[in-house]
């Protein structure tokens, strides 16, 4: 069967840095090399106070290519058993005690990072730490992808496979930063930008437009 796709893009893994290249079926050549990079820990430190802000910042939480963020003491749960996308939901907030709090499977807990972050020129991404994942604890459902220009605390959508005791102040997740190619517009959402704490879903606002 003849290929009718003349151009496609694929990821090349090299010893220096991964990057995207475009392959032309007409010429059989690689063209338009576009670099796609993750900042190293040293580069994260170098950009602090310029394109990046992590407040407070502690050198001990800096990794080779990410930075560990801590869990705040506040937790939030929805009161309703059925969540309607078109409605604003009642919530309940409480504080994680000093001796910890046991999360239960089947429940969704909204939490937030202790650190406030601000990003410009880079795309922030959030992932759980491997030690956290090995306890069967998920720190986000689908919202690990950030937007360039985001300012605020990160709301975490936490759930677990088995009961697990959590503690405020634990290094719960890690933030890392991608470069971005081409012109871009900074994140200016009226829902989640410049937040000051945990934010439940505001999807209902989309239906009000």
N, C-alpha and C. Protein backbone atom coordinates (compact mmCIF):
# COMPACT_ATOMS: atom_id res chain seq x y z
N UNK A 1 0.85 -1.18 0.00
CA UNK A 1 0.00 0.00 0.00
C UNK A 1 0.89 1.24 0.00
N UNK A 2 0.68 2.17 -0.90
CA UNK A 2 1.49 3.37 -1.01
C UNK A 2 1.15 4.35 0.11
N UNK A 3 2.16 5.03 0.62
CA UNK A 3 1.93 6.04 1.65
C UNK A 3 1.50 7.34 0.99
N UNK A 4 0.38 7.90 1.44
CA UNK A 4 -0.06 9.18 0.92
C UNK A 4 0.20 10.31 1.90
N UNK A 5 0.88 10.00 3.01
CA UNK A 5 1.28 11.02 3.96
C UNK A 5 2.72 11.40 3.66
N UNK A 6 2.93 12.64 3.22
CA UNK A 6 4.24 13.05 2.77
C UNK A 6 5.10 13.68 3.85
N UNK A 7 4.46 14.13 4.92
CA UNK A 7 5.21 14.76 6.00
C UNK A 7 4.71 14.25 7.34
N UNK A 8 5.59 13.94 8.23
CA UNK A 8 5.20 13.61 9.59
C UNK A 8 6.33 13.96 10.54
N UNK A 9 5.98 14.06 11.82
CA UNK A 9 6.93 14.49 12.83
C UNK A 9 7.15 13.36 13.82
N UNK A 10 8.37 13.15 14.23
CA UNK A 10 8.63 12.14 15.25
C UNK A 10 9.70 12.63 16.19
N UNK A 11 9.79 11.96 17.31
CA UNK A 11 10.71 12.36 18.38
C UNK A 11 12.00 11.57 18.26
N UNK A 12 13.10 12.28 18.25
CA UNK A 12 14.42 11.68 18.21
C UNK A 12 15.04 11.75 19.60
N UNK A 13 15.48 10.63 20.13
CA UNK A 13 16.16 10.61 21.42
C UNK A 13 17.66 10.55 21.16
N UNK A 14 18.37 11.55 21.61
CA UNK A 14 19.81 11.60 21.41
C UNK A 14 20.51 11.64 22.76
N UNK A 15 21.83 11.63 22.73
CA UNK A 15 22.58 11.62 23.98
C UNK A 15 22.60 13.00 24.62
N UNK A 16 22.34 14.07 23.85
CA UNK A 16 22.38 15.40 24.44
C UNK A 16 21.01 15.87 24.88
N UNK A 17 20.02 15.84 23.98
CA UNK A 17 18.68 16.29 24.33
C UNK A 17 17.67 15.73 23.35
N UNK A 18 16.44 15.38 23.79
CA UNK A 18 15.42 14.93 22.85
C UNK A 18 14.94 16.10 22.02
N UNK A 19 14.60 15.86 20.76
CA UNK A 19 14.07 16.92 19.94
C UNK A 19 13.17 16.35 18.85
N UNK A 20 12.28 17.19 18.34
CA UNK A 20 11.37 16.79 17.29
C UNK A 20 11.98 17.13 15.93
N UNK A 21 11.81 16.24 14.96
CA UNK A 21 12.22 16.54 13.59
C UNK A 21 11.08 16.21 12.65
N UNK A 22 11.07 16.89 11.51
CA UNK A 22 10.03 16.68 10.51
C UNK A 22 10.62 15.89 9.34
N UNK A 23 9.94 14.84 8.93
CA UNK A 23 10.41 14.02 7.82
C UNK A 23 9.57 14.32 6.59
N UNK A 24 10.22 14.59 5.47
CA UNK A 24 9.53 14.86 4.22
C UNK A 24 9.57 13.62 3.33
N UNK A 25 8.39 13.12 3.00
CA UNK A 25 8.32 11.96 2.12
C UNK A 25 8.73 12.27 0.70
N UNK A 26 8.67 13.54 0.34
CA UNK A 26 9.05 13.93 -1.02
C UNK A 26 10.57 13.88 -1.22
N UNK A 27 11.28 14.43 -0.25
CA UNK A 27 12.72 14.52 -0.39
C UNK A 27 13.47 13.42 0.34
N UNK A 28 12.79 12.77 1.30
CA UNK A 28 13.46 11.75 2.09
C UNK A 28 14.46 12.31 3.06
N UNK A 29 14.29 13.59 3.44
CA UNK A 29 15.22 14.24 4.33
C UNK A 29 14.55 14.69 5.62
N UNK A 30 15.36 14.88 6.62
CA UNK A 30 14.90 15.43 7.88
C UNK A 30 15.04 16.95 7.83
N UNK A 31 13.98 17.66 8.19
CA UNK A 31 14.00 19.11 8.12
C UNK A 31 13.41 19.73 9.38
N UNK A 32 13.55 21.03 9.51
CA UNK A 32 12.87 21.81 10.55
C UNK A 32 13.10 21.24 11.94
N UNK A 33 14.33 21.08 12.33
CA UNK A 33 14.62 20.56 13.68
C UNK A 33 14.11 21.54 14.73
N UNK A 34 13.31 21.06 15.68
CA UNK A 34 12.78 21.88 16.75
C UNK A 34 13.14 21.23 18.09
N UNK A 35 13.89 21.93 18.89
CA UNK A 35 14.33 21.34 20.15
C UNK A 35 13.23 21.39 21.20
N UNK A 36 13.13 20.32 21.96
CA UNK A 36 12.10 20.15 22.98
C UNK A 36 12.83 19.72 24.24
N UNK A 37 12.95 20.64 25.22
CA UNK A 37 13.84 20.38 26.34
C UNK A 37 13.13 20.51 27.69
N UNK A 38 13.64 19.80 28.67
CA UNK A 38 13.22 19.92 30.06
C UNK A 38 14.36 20.61 30.82
N UNK A 39 14.02 21.60 31.63
CA UNK A 39 15.06 22.30 32.37
C UNK A 39 15.72 21.39 33.40
N UNK A 40 17.00 21.48 33.51
CA UNK A 40 17.71 20.77 34.56
C UNK A 40 17.47 21.48 35.89
N UNK A 41 17.84 20.81 36.98
CA UNK A 41 17.70 21.45 38.28
C UNK A 41 18.52 22.73 38.37
N UNK A 42 19.71 22.71 37.79
CA UNK A 42 20.55 23.90 37.81
C UNK A 42 19.91 25.04 37.04
N UNK A 43 19.25 24.73 35.91
CA UNK A 43 18.59 25.76 35.13
C UNK A 43 17.35 26.30 35.85
N UNK A 44 16.65 25.42 36.57
CA UNK A 44 15.52 25.90 37.38
C UNK A 44 16.02 26.95 38.37
N UNK A 45 17.14 26.65 39.05
CA UNK A 45 17.70 27.60 40.00
C UNK A 45 18.12 28.90 39.31
N UNK A 46 18.72 28.79 38.13
CA UNK A 46 19.20 29.97 37.41
C UNK A 46 18.06 30.90 36.99
N UNK A 47 16.87 30.34 36.72
CA UNK A 47 15.75 31.15 36.24
C UNK A 47 14.87 31.68 37.38
N UNK A 48 15.15 31.28 38.61
CA UNK A 48 14.36 31.77 39.74
C UNK A 48 14.48 33.29 39.85
N UNK A 49 13.36 33.95 40.07
CA UNK A 49 13.35 35.40 40.17
C UNK A 49 13.31 36.09 38.83
N UNK A 50 13.36 35.31 37.76
CA UNK A 50 13.31 35.86 36.40
C UNK A 50 12.06 35.32 35.69
N UNK A 51 12.19 34.11 35.15
CA UNK A 51 11.07 33.49 34.44
C UNK A 51 10.29 32.53 35.33
N UNK A 52 10.85 32.17 36.48
CA UNK A 52 10.23 31.21 37.39
C UNK A 52 10.21 31.75 38.81
N UNK A 53 9.18 31.37 39.53
CA UNK A 53 9.12 31.65 40.97
C UNK A 53 8.63 30.41 41.69
N UNK A 54 9.34 30.01 42.71
CA UNK A 54 8.90 28.95 43.63
C UNK A 54 9.08 29.53 45.03
N UNK A 55 7.95 29.74 45.71
CA UNK A 55 7.99 30.43 47.00
C UNK A 55 7.22 29.64 48.06
N UNK A 56 7.87 29.21 49.15
CA UNK A 56 9.30 29.36 49.43
C UNK A 56 10.14 28.35 48.65
N UNK A 57 11.40 28.65 48.48
CA UNK A 57 12.33 27.77 47.78
C UNK A 57 13.33 27.21 48.77
N UNK A 58 13.58 25.90 48.67
CA UNK A 58 14.54 25.22 49.53
C UNK A 58 15.45 24.37 48.64
N UNK A 59 16.73 24.63 48.70
CA UNK A 59 17.70 23.93 47.86
C UNK A 59 17.60 22.41 48.02
N UNK A 60 17.21 21.94 49.20
CA UNK A 60 17.14 20.50 49.46
C UNK A 60 16.05 19.82 48.65
N UNK A 61 15.08 20.57 48.15
CA UNK A 61 13.98 19.99 47.38
C UNK A 61 14.25 20.01 45.87
N UNK A 62 15.41 20.51 45.49
CA UNK A 62 15.78 20.58 44.08
C UNK A 62 16.35 19.25 43.61
N UNK A 63 15.83 18.73 42.49
CA UNK A 63 16.27 17.47 41.91
C UNK A 63 17.08 17.72 40.64
N UNK A 64 17.65 16.69 40.02
CA UNK A 64 18.42 16.89 38.78
C UNK A 64 17.63 17.56 37.66
N UNK A 65 16.31 17.32 37.57
CA UNK A 65 15.51 17.99 36.54
C UNK A 65 14.08 18.30 36.99
N UNK A 66 13.91 18.53 38.31
CA UNK A 66 12.59 18.89 38.84
C UNK A 66 12.77 19.47 40.23
N UNK A 67 11.66 19.86 40.83
CA UNK A 67 11.68 20.41 42.18
C UNK A 67 10.52 19.81 42.95
N UNK A 68 10.75 19.28 44.16
CA UNK A 68 9.70 18.66 44.95
C UNK A 68 8.83 19.74 45.63
N UNK A 69 7.52 19.58 45.50
CA UNK A 69 6.57 20.47 46.16
C UNK A 69 5.92 19.73 47.33
N UNK A 70 5.60 20.47 48.39
CA UNK A 70 5.07 19.86 49.61
C UNK A 70 3.56 19.98 49.69
N UNK A 71 2.98 19.10 50.49
CA UNK A 71 1.54 19.06 50.70
C UNK A 71 1.14 20.04 51.79
N UNK A 72 0.17 20.90 51.51
CA UNK A 72 -0.36 21.83 52.51
C UNK A 72 -1.25 21.06 53.48
N UNK A 73 -1.56 21.65 54.61
CA UNK A 73 -2.34 20.97 55.66
C UNK A 73 -3.83 20.94 55.36
N UNK A 74 -4.31 21.73 54.41
CA UNK A 74 -5.74 21.81 54.13
C UNK A 74 -6.19 20.75 53.13
N UNK A 75 -7.33 20.11 53.41
CA UNK A 75 -7.96 19.17 52.49
C UNK A 75 -9.40 19.60 52.24
N UNK A 76 -9.92 19.19 51.10
CA UNK A 76 -11.29 19.53 50.72
C UNK A 76 -11.95 18.31 50.09
N UNK A 77 -13.23 18.11 50.39
CA UNK A 77 -14.01 17.03 49.76
C UNK A 77 -15.35 17.60 49.32
N UNK A 78 -15.95 16.97 48.31
CA UNK A 78 -17.29 17.34 47.88
C UNK A 78 -18.31 16.66 48.79
N UNK A 79 -19.39 17.37 49.10
CA UNK A 79 -20.44 16.80 49.94
C UNK A 79 -21.39 15.91 49.16
N UNK A 80 -21.61 16.23 47.87
CA UNK A 80 -22.56 15.45 47.08
C UNK A 80 -21.97 14.11 46.65
N UNK A 81 -22.80 13.12 46.54
CA UNK A 81 -22.36 11.81 46.07
C UNK A 81 -22.34 11.75 44.54
N UNK A 82 -23.13 12.60 43.89
CA UNK A 82 -23.14 12.70 42.43
C UNK A 82 -22.72 14.12 42.06
N UNK A 83 -21.72 14.25 41.23
CA UNK A 83 -21.21 15.55 40.83
C UNK A 83 -21.74 15.92 39.45
N UNK A 84 -22.42 17.05 39.36
CA UNK A 84 -23.02 17.52 38.12
C UNK A 84 -22.11 18.58 37.51
N UNK A 85 -21.68 18.38 36.26
CA UNK A 85 -20.78 19.30 35.60
C UNK A 85 -21.34 20.72 35.50
N UNK A 86 -22.66 20.85 35.45
CA UNK A 86 -23.28 22.14 35.24
C UNK A 86 -23.56 22.91 36.53
N UNK A 87 -23.21 22.30 37.66
CA UNK A 87 -23.57 22.92 38.94
C UNK A 87 -22.34 23.20 39.81
N UNK A 88 -22.45 24.21 40.65
CA UNK A 88 -21.44 24.47 41.67
C UNK A 88 -21.74 23.59 42.87
N UNK A 89 -20.71 22.96 43.42
CA UNK A 89 -20.93 21.94 44.44
C UNK A 89 -20.60 22.44 45.85
N UNK A 90 -21.30 21.86 46.81
CA UNK A 90 -20.98 22.14 48.21
C UNK A 90 -19.72 21.38 48.59
N UNK A 91 -18.88 22.04 49.37
CA UNK A 91 -17.61 21.44 49.75
C UNK A 91 -17.43 21.49 51.27
N UNK A 92 -16.53 20.67 51.74
CA UNK A 92 -16.16 20.66 53.15
C UNK A 92 -14.65 20.69 53.25
N UNK A 93 -14.11 21.56 54.06
CA UNK A 93 -12.66 21.64 54.24
C UNK A 93 -12.28 21.25 55.66
N UNK A 94 -11.12 20.67 55.82
CA UNK A 94 -10.61 20.31 57.14
C UNK A 94 -9.09 20.29 57.09
N UNK A 95 -8.49 20.19 58.24
CA UNK A 95 -7.04 20.26 58.36
C UNK A 95 -6.45 18.89 58.70
N UNK A 96 -5.36 18.56 58.08
CA UNK A 96 -4.65 17.32 58.39
C UNK A 96 -4.03 17.45 59.78
N UNK A 97 -4.38 16.58 60.72
CA UNK A 97 -3.81 16.68 62.08
C UNK A 97 -2.33 16.30 62.09
N UNK A 98 -1.67 16.60 63.18
CA UNK A 98 -0.23 16.34 63.28
C UNK A 98 0.10 14.85 63.15
N UNK A 99 -0.81 13.98 63.63
CA UNK A 99 -0.55 12.55 63.53
C UNK A 99 -1.03 11.97 62.21
N UNK A 100 -1.38 12.82 61.26
CA UNK A 100 -1.72 12.37 59.93
C UNK A 100 -3.21 12.14 59.72
N UNK A 101 -3.57 11.91 58.48
CA UNK A 101 -4.97 11.65 58.11
C UNK A 101 -4.99 10.44 57.17
N UNK A 102 -5.92 9.51 57.41
CA UNK A 102 -6.01 8.30 56.59
C UNK A 102 -6.97 8.53 55.43
N UNK A 103 -6.43 8.54 54.22
CA UNK A 103 -7.26 8.64 53.01
C UNK A 103 -7.90 7.29 52.73
N UNK A 104 -9.15 7.32 52.26
CA UNK A 104 -9.89 6.10 51.98
C UNK A 104 -10.10 5.92 50.48
N UNK A 105 -9.97 4.69 49.99
CA UNK A 105 -10.23 4.43 48.57
C UNK A 105 -11.67 4.80 48.20
N UNK A 106 -11.86 5.25 46.98
CA UNK A 106 -13.18 5.60 46.50
C UNK A 106 -13.58 7.04 46.78
N UNK A 107 -12.73 7.77 47.48
CA UNK A 107 -13.01 9.17 47.80
C UNK A 107 -12.04 10.07 47.04
N UNK A 108 -12.53 11.22 46.61
CA UNK A 108 -11.69 12.21 45.96
C UNK A 108 -11.36 13.32 46.96
N UNK A 109 -10.08 13.56 47.16
CA UNK A 109 -9.64 14.60 48.07
C UNK A 109 -8.95 15.70 47.26
N UNK A 110 -9.39 16.93 47.45
CA UNK A 110 -8.71 18.05 46.83
C UNK A 110 -7.74 18.64 47.85
N UNK A 111 -6.53 18.84 47.43
CA UNK A 111 -5.50 19.40 48.29
C UNK A 111 -4.76 20.48 47.50
N UNK A 112 -3.69 21.00 48.08
CA UNK A 112 -2.89 21.97 47.34
C UNK A 112 -1.44 21.91 47.78
N UNK A 113 -0.60 22.46 46.96
CA UNK A 113 0.82 22.53 47.30
C UNK A 113 1.05 23.63 48.33
N UNK A 114 2.08 23.44 49.14
CA UNK A 114 2.47 24.47 50.10
C UNK A 114 3.13 25.64 49.37
N UNK A 115 3.83 25.33 48.29
CA UNK A 115 4.56 26.34 47.54
C UNK A 115 3.67 27.04 46.51
N UNK A 116 3.90 28.32 46.33
CA UNK A 116 3.27 29.14 45.30
C UNK A 116 4.26 29.23 44.13
N UNK A 117 3.77 29.03 42.91
CA UNK A 117 4.67 29.08 41.76
C UNK A 117 4.18 30.09 40.73
N UNK A 118 5.12 30.65 40.00
CA UNK A 118 4.80 31.53 38.88
C UNK A 118 5.71 31.15 37.71
N UNK A 119 5.16 31.14 36.52
CA UNK A 119 5.91 30.67 35.36
C UNK A 119 5.74 31.61 34.18
N UNK A 120 6.84 31.91 33.50
CA UNK A 120 6.80 32.62 32.23
C UNK A 120 7.86 32.01 31.32
N UNK A 121 7.53 31.90 30.04
CA UNK A 121 8.42 31.35 29.02
C UNK A 121 8.56 29.84 29.08
N UNK A 122 8.09 29.19 30.12
CA UNK A 122 8.21 27.73 30.24
C UNK A 122 6.84 27.13 30.58
N UNK A 123 6.66 25.87 30.20
CA UNK A 123 5.42 25.15 30.47
C UNK A 123 5.61 24.30 31.72
N UNK A 124 4.89 24.60 32.80
CA UNK A 124 5.06 23.83 34.04
C UNK A 124 4.28 22.51 33.98
N UNK A 125 4.87 21.46 34.49
CA UNK A 125 4.23 20.15 34.54
C UNK A 125 4.35 19.59 35.96
N UNK A 126 3.34 18.82 36.35
CA UNK A 126 3.31 18.28 37.71
C UNK A 126 3.16 16.76 37.65
N UNK A 127 3.96 16.07 38.43
CA UNK A 127 3.87 14.61 38.52
C UNK A 127 4.10 14.18 39.96
N UNK A 128 3.56 13.02 40.29
CA UNK A 128 3.79 12.47 41.62
C UNK A 128 5.21 11.91 41.74
N UNK A 129 5.71 11.87 42.94
CA UNK A 129 7.00 11.24 43.18
C UNK A 129 6.84 9.73 43.14
N UNK A 130 7.90 9.03 42.73
CA UNK A 130 7.82 7.58 42.62
C UNK A 130 7.53 6.92 43.96
N UNK A 131 8.10 7.47 45.04
CA UNK A 131 7.86 6.89 46.37
C UNK A 131 6.40 7.03 46.78
N UNK A 132 5.74 8.10 46.34
CA UNK A 132 4.32 8.30 46.60
C UNK A 132 3.48 7.32 45.78
N UNK A 133 3.84 7.18 44.52
CA UNK A 133 3.11 6.26 43.64
C UNK A 133 3.20 4.82 44.11
N UNK A 134 4.29 4.44 44.74
CA UNK A 134 4.47 3.07 45.19
C UNK A 134 3.64 2.75 46.43
N UNK A 135 3.00 3.78 46.98
CA UNK A 135 2.03 3.57 48.05
C UNK A 135 0.61 3.50 47.49
N UNK A 136 0.48 3.57 46.15
CA UNK A 136 -0.84 3.54 45.53
C UNK A 136 -1.58 4.85 45.65
N UNK A 137 -0.83 5.95 45.80
CA UNK A 137 -1.43 7.26 45.98
C UNK A 137 -1.26 8.08 44.71
N UNK A 138 -2.38 8.54 44.16
CA UNK A 138 -2.38 9.38 42.97
C UNK A 138 -2.50 10.84 43.42
N UNK A 139 -1.66 11.71 42.86
CA UNK A 139 -1.70 13.11 43.29
C UNK A 139 -2.49 14.00 42.32
N UNK A 140 -2.80 13.50 41.13
CA UNK A 140 -3.69 14.24 40.24
C UNK A 140 -4.41 13.25 39.32
N UNK A 141 -5.62 13.62 38.92
CA UNK A 141 -6.42 12.75 38.05
C UNK A 141 -5.97 12.92 36.61
N UNK A 142 -6.13 14.12 36.07
CA UNK A 142 -5.70 14.39 34.69
C UNK A 142 -5.03 15.75 34.59
N UNK A 143 -4.90 16.47 35.69
CA UNK A 143 -4.50 17.88 35.64
C UNK A 143 -3.04 18.11 35.97
N UNK A 144 -2.14 17.33 35.37
CA UNK A 144 -0.72 17.54 35.61
C UNK A 144 -0.08 18.46 34.60
N UNK A 145 -0.85 18.85 33.58
CA UNK A 145 -0.32 19.69 32.51
C UNK A 145 -0.65 21.14 32.79
N UNK A 146 0.35 21.98 32.95
CA UNK A 146 0.14 23.38 33.25
C UNK A 146 0.20 24.25 32.00
N UNK A 147 -0.01 25.54 32.18
CA UNK A 147 0.03 26.51 31.09
C UNK A 147 1.11 27.53 31.34
N UNK A 148 1.78 27.95 30.28
CA UNK A 148 2.78 29.00 30.40
C UNK A 148 2.09 30.27 30.91
N UNK A 149 2.67 30.86 31.94
CA UNK A 149 2.08 32.05 32.53
C UNK A 149 1.23 31.77 33.76
N UNK A 150 1.09 30.51 34.17
CA UNK A 150 0.27 30.20 35.34
C UNK A 150 0.92 30.72 36.61
N UNK A 151 0.11 31.38 37.46
CA UNK A 151 0.54 31.85 38.77
C UNK A 151 -0.41 31.30 39.83
N UNK A 152 0.13 30.70 40.87
CA UNK A 152 -0.75 30.25 41.94
C UNK A 152 -0.26 28.99 42.62
N UNK A 153 -1.07 28.49 43.54
CA UNK A 153 -0.84 27.18 44.15
C UNK A 153 -1.41 26.12 43.22
N UNK A 154 -0.89 24.92 43.29
CA UNK A 154 -1.41 23.82 42.48
C UNK A 154 -2.44 23.03 43.28
N UNK A 155 -3.65 22.93 42.75
CA UNK A 155 -4.67 22.07 43.36
C UNK A 155 -4.41 20.64 42.96
N UNK A 156 -4.41 19.74 43.92
CA UNK A 156 -4.14 18.32 43.68
C UNK A 156 -5.44 17.54 43.81
N UNK A 157 -5.71 16.65 42.87
CA UNK A 157 -6.90 15.78 42.92
C UNK A 157 -6.41 14.40 43.36
N UNK A 158 -6.45 14.15 44.65
CA UNK A 158 -5.79 12.98 45.22
C UNK A 158 -6.76 11.83 45.47
N UNK A 159 -6.29 10.62 45.21
CA UNK A 159 -7.06 9.40 45.50
C UNK A 159 -6.06 8.28 45.78
N UNK A 160 -6.54 7.16 46.31
CA UNK A 160 -5.63 6.08 46.68
C UNK A 160 -6.26 4.72 46.39
N UNK A 161 -5.40 3.72 46.21
CA UNK A 161 -5.85 2.35 45.96
C UNK A 161 -6.11 1.60 47.26
N UNK A 162 -5.33 1.91 48.29
CA UNK A 162 -5.49 1.33 49.61
C UNK A 162 -5.50 2.47 50.62
N UNK A 163 -6.05 2.25 51.81
CA UNK A 163 -5.97 3.31 52.82
C UNK A 163 -4.52 3.70 53.05
N UNK A 164 -4.25 5.00 53.09
CA UNK A 164 -2.89 5.48 53.28
C UNK A 164 -2.92 6.71 54.17
N UNK A 165 -2.02 6.77 55.11
CA UNK A 165 -1.94 7.91 56.03
C UNK A 165 -1.01 8.96 55.43
N UNK A 166 -1.51 10.18 55.32
CA UNK A 166 -0.73 11.27 54.75
C UNK A 166 -0.44 12.31 55.83
N UNK A 167 0.58 13.12 55.59
CA UNK A 167 1.00 14.12 56.56
C UNK A 167 1.24 15.46 55.85
N UNK A 168 0.86 16.53 56.50
CA UNK A 168 1.13 17.86 55.96
C UNK A 168 2.64 18.09 55.93
N UNK A 169 3.10 18.75 54.89
CA UNK A 169 4.52 19.06 54.77
C UNK A 169 5.33 18.02 54.03
N UNK A 170 4.74 16.85 53.72
CA UNK A 170 5.48 15.83 52.98
C UNK A 170 5.71 16.30 51.55
N UNK A 171 6.84 15.95 50.99
CA UNK A 171 7.12 16.28 49.59
C UNK A 171 6.29 15.33 48.72
N UNK A 172 5.17 15.83 48.23
CA UNK A 172 4.13 14.99 47.64
C UNK A 172 4.26 14.82 46.13
N UNK A 173 4.84 15.83 45.46
CA UNK A 173 4.90 15.79 43.99
C UNK A 173 6.11 16.57 43.52
N UNK A 174 6.31 16.60 42.20
CA UNK A 174 7.44 17.34 41.65
C UNK A 174 6.99 18.15 40.45
N UNK A 175 7.52 19.36 40.34
CA UNK A 175 7.24 20.22 39.21
C UNK A 175 8.46 20.24 38.30
N UNK A 176 8.21 20.21 36.99
CA UNK A 176 9.31 20.33 36.04
C UNK A 176 8.84 21.23 34.90
N UNK A 177 9.78 21.68 34.09
CA UNK A 177 9.48 22.73 33.13
C UNK A 177 9.95 22.37 31.73
N UNK A 178 9.04 22.52 30.75
CA UNK A 178 9.36 22.35 29.34
C UNK A 178 9.59 23.70 28.69
N UNK A 179 10.47 23.72 27.69
CA UNK A 179 10.55 24.90 26.84
C UNK A 179 9.34 24.91 25.92
N UNK A 180 9.05 26.06 25.32
CA UNK A 180 7.92 26.18 24.41
C UNK A 180 8.41 26.81 23.11
N UNK A 181 7.95 26.31 21.97
CA UNK A 181 8.39 26.79 20.67
C UNK A 181 7.38 27.77 20.10
N UNK A 182 7.87 28.81 19.44
CA UNK A 182 7.00 29.75 18.75
C UNK A 182 6.39 30.79 19.67
N UNK A 183 5.57 31.66 19.09
CA UNK A 183 4.89 32.69 19.86
C UNK A 183 3.81 32.06 20.73
N UNK A 184 3.51 32.69 21.85
CA UNK A 184 2.52 32.13 22.76
C UNK A 184 1.80 33.25 23.49
N UNK A 185 0.65 32.91 24.05
CA UNK A 185 -0.09 33.82 24.90
C UNK A 185 -0.07 33.27 26.32
N UNK A 186 0.12 34.13 27.29
CA UNK A 186 0.18 33.69 28.68
C UNK A 186 -1.20 33.30 29.19
N UNK A 187 -1.22 32.36 30.11
CA UNK A 187 -2.45 31.88 30.73
C UNK A 187 -3.13 33.02 31.49
N UNK A 188 -4.42 33.27 31.18
CA UNK A 188 -5.14 34.39 31.81
C UNK A 188 -6.52 33.96 32.31
N UNK A 189 -6.68 32.68 32.60
CA UNK A 189 -7.98 32.17 33.03
C UNK A 189 -8.55 32.95 34.20
N UNK A 190 -9.85 33.22 34.15
CA UNK A 190 -10.54 33.88 35.25
C UNK A 190 -10.96 32.88 36.33
N UNK A 191 -10.74 31.61 36.07
CA UNK A 191 -11.16 30.58 37.03
C UNK A 191 -10.07 30.20 38.02
N UNK A 192 -8.87 29.99 37.53
CA UNK A 192 -7.85 29.40 38.38
C UNK A 192 -6.57 30.23 38.54
N UNK A 193 -6.43 31.29 37.74
CA UNK A 193 -5.21 32.10 37.82
C UNK A 193 -5.16 32.89 39.12
N UNK A 194 -3.94 33.03 39.68
CA UNK A 194 -3.70 33.81 40.89
C UNK A 194 -4.54 33.32 42.09
N UNK A 195 -4.75 32.02 42.16
CA UNK A 195 -5.54 31.48 43.27
C UNK A 195 -4.78 31.60 44.59
N UNK A 196 -5.53 31.51 45.68
CA UNK A 196 -4.96 31.64 47.01
C UNK A 196 -5.19 30.40 47.87
N UNK A 197 -5.62 29.31 47.26
CA UNK A 197 -5.86 28.09 48.02
C UNK A 197 -6.43 27.00 47.12
N UNK A 198 -7.00 25.97 47.74
CA UNK A 198 -7.60 24.88 46.98
C UNK A 198 -8.78 25.40 46.18
N UNK A 199 -8.90 24.97 44.94
CA UNK A 199 -10.03 25.38 44.11
C UNK A 199 -10.78 24.15 43.59
N UNK A 200 -12.06 24.01 43.95
CA UNK A 200 -12.85 22.93 43.37
C UNK A 200 -13.11 23.22 41.90
N UNK A 201 -13.69 22.27 41.21
CA UNK A 201 -13.96 22.45 39.78
C UNK A 201 -14.89 23.63 39.54
N UNK A 202 -14.53 24.44 38.55
CA UNK A 202 -15.38 25.55 38.12
C UNK A 202 -15.86 25.32 36.69
N UNK A 203 -15.98 24.05 36.34
CA UNK A 203 -16.45 23.71 35.00
C UNK A 203 -17.83 24.30 34.72
N UNK A 204 -18.64 24.46 35.76
CA UNK A 204 -20.00 24.99 35.59
C UNK A 204 -19.98 26.36 34.93
N UNK A 205 -18.89 27.12 35.08
CA UNK A 205 -18.80 28.44 34.48
C UNK A 205 -18.76 28.38 32.96
N UNK A 206 -18.28 27.24 32.43
CA UNK A 206 -18.25 27.08 30.97
C UNK A 206 -19.66 27.06 30.39
N UNK A 207 -20.62 26.58 31.16
CA UNK A 207 -22.00 26.50 30.68
C UNK A 207 -22.73 27.83 30.81
N UNK A 208 -22.10 28.79 31.50
CA UNK A 208 -22.74 30.09 31.68
C UNK A 208 -22.41 31.05 30.55
N UNK A 209 -21.45 30.66 29.70
CA UNK A 209 -21.05 31.54 28.61
C UNK A 209 -22.15 31.66 27.56
